[in-house]
């Protein structure tokens, strides 16, 4: 994320925590405002194994 188009990125990664009813809304807003510049990942529940699989951190 940047403060302006000319600035160097300030943040490499971010986590947005929201109620489960708003996860898809946040996912859509990130896509709307940042387009293809980032790849958002929405996780709205599941077991630890399912979340690890989505994050690519399976042991």
Protein backbone atom coordinates (compact mmCIF):
# COMPACT_ATOMS: atom_id res chain seq x y z
CA UNK A 1 0.00 0.00 0.00
CA UNK A 2 1.17 3.50 -0.81
CA UNK A 3 0.28 6.96 0.38
CA UNK A 4 0.36 8.27 -3.21
CA UNK A 5 1.21 6.93 -6.70
CA UNK A 6 4.70 8.47 -6.52
CA UNK A 7 5.61 7.08 -3.09
CA UNK A 8 7.46 3.89 -2.34
CA UNK A 9 5.17 1.20 -0.85
CA UNK A 10 4.81 1.58 2.90
CA UNK A 11 3.21 -1.80 3.60
CA UNK A 12 3.98 -5.15 1.99
CA UNK A 13 1.26 -7.22 3.69
CA UNK A 14 -1.90 -6.42 5.62
CA UNK A 15 -4.59 -8.33 7.46
CA UNK A 16 -8.15 -7.05 7.57
CA UNK A 17 -10.26 -8.61 10.32
CA UNK A 18 -14.02 -8.25 10.05
CA UNK A 19 -17.22 -10.01 11.03
CA UNK A 20 -17.82 -13.05 8.83
CA UNK A 21 -20.83 -11.34 7.26
CA UNK A 22 -18.52 -8.67 5.80
CA UNK A 23 -15.61 -10.80 4.53
CA UNK A 24 -16.85 -10.93 0.93
CA UNK A 25 -17.64 -7.21 1.03
CA UNK A 26 -14.06 -6.39 2.06
CA UNK A 27 -12.71 -8.79 -0.59
CA UNK A 28 -14.77 -7.03 -3.26
CA UNK A 29 -13.72 -3.56 -2.06
CA UNK A 30 -10.02 -4.48 -2.17
CA UNK A 31 -10.49 -5.68 -5.75
CA UNK A 32 -12.46 -2.57 -6.65
CA UNK A 33 -9.90 -0.10 -5.31
CA UNK A 34 -6.62 -1.92 -5.93
CA UNK A 35 -7.51 -3.96 -9.00
CA UNK A 36 -4.86 -6.44 -10.08
CA UNK A 37 -2.08 -4.79 -8.07
CA UNK A 38 -2.54 -7.29 -5.25
CA UNK A 39 -4.03 -10.74 -4.77
CA UNK A 40 -6.49 -10.65 -1.87
CA UNK A 41 -7.29 -13.84 0.03
CA UNK A 42 -10.60 -14.10 1.90
CA UNK A 43 -10.86 -16.65 4.70
CA UNK A 44 -14.18 -16.80 6.51
CA UNK A 45 -13.89 -19.93 8.59
CA UNK A 46 -12.94 -23.54 8.36
CA UNK A 47 -10.70 -25.89 10.25
CA UNK A 48 -7.05 -25.16 10.92
CA UNK A 49 -6.10 -27.62 8.15
CA UNK A 50 -8.38 -25.87 5.63
CA UNK A 51 -6.96 -22.46 6.52
CA UNK A 52 -3.38 -23.78 6.30
CA UNK A 53 -4.19 -25.16 2.84
CA UNK A 54 -5.55 -21.77 1.67
CA UNK A 55 -2.47 -20.01 3.03
CA UNK A 56 -0.12 -22.58 1.56
CA UNK A 57 1.37 -23.35 4.97
CA UNK A 58 0.57 -27.03 5.25
CA UNK A 59 3.16 -28.95 7.28
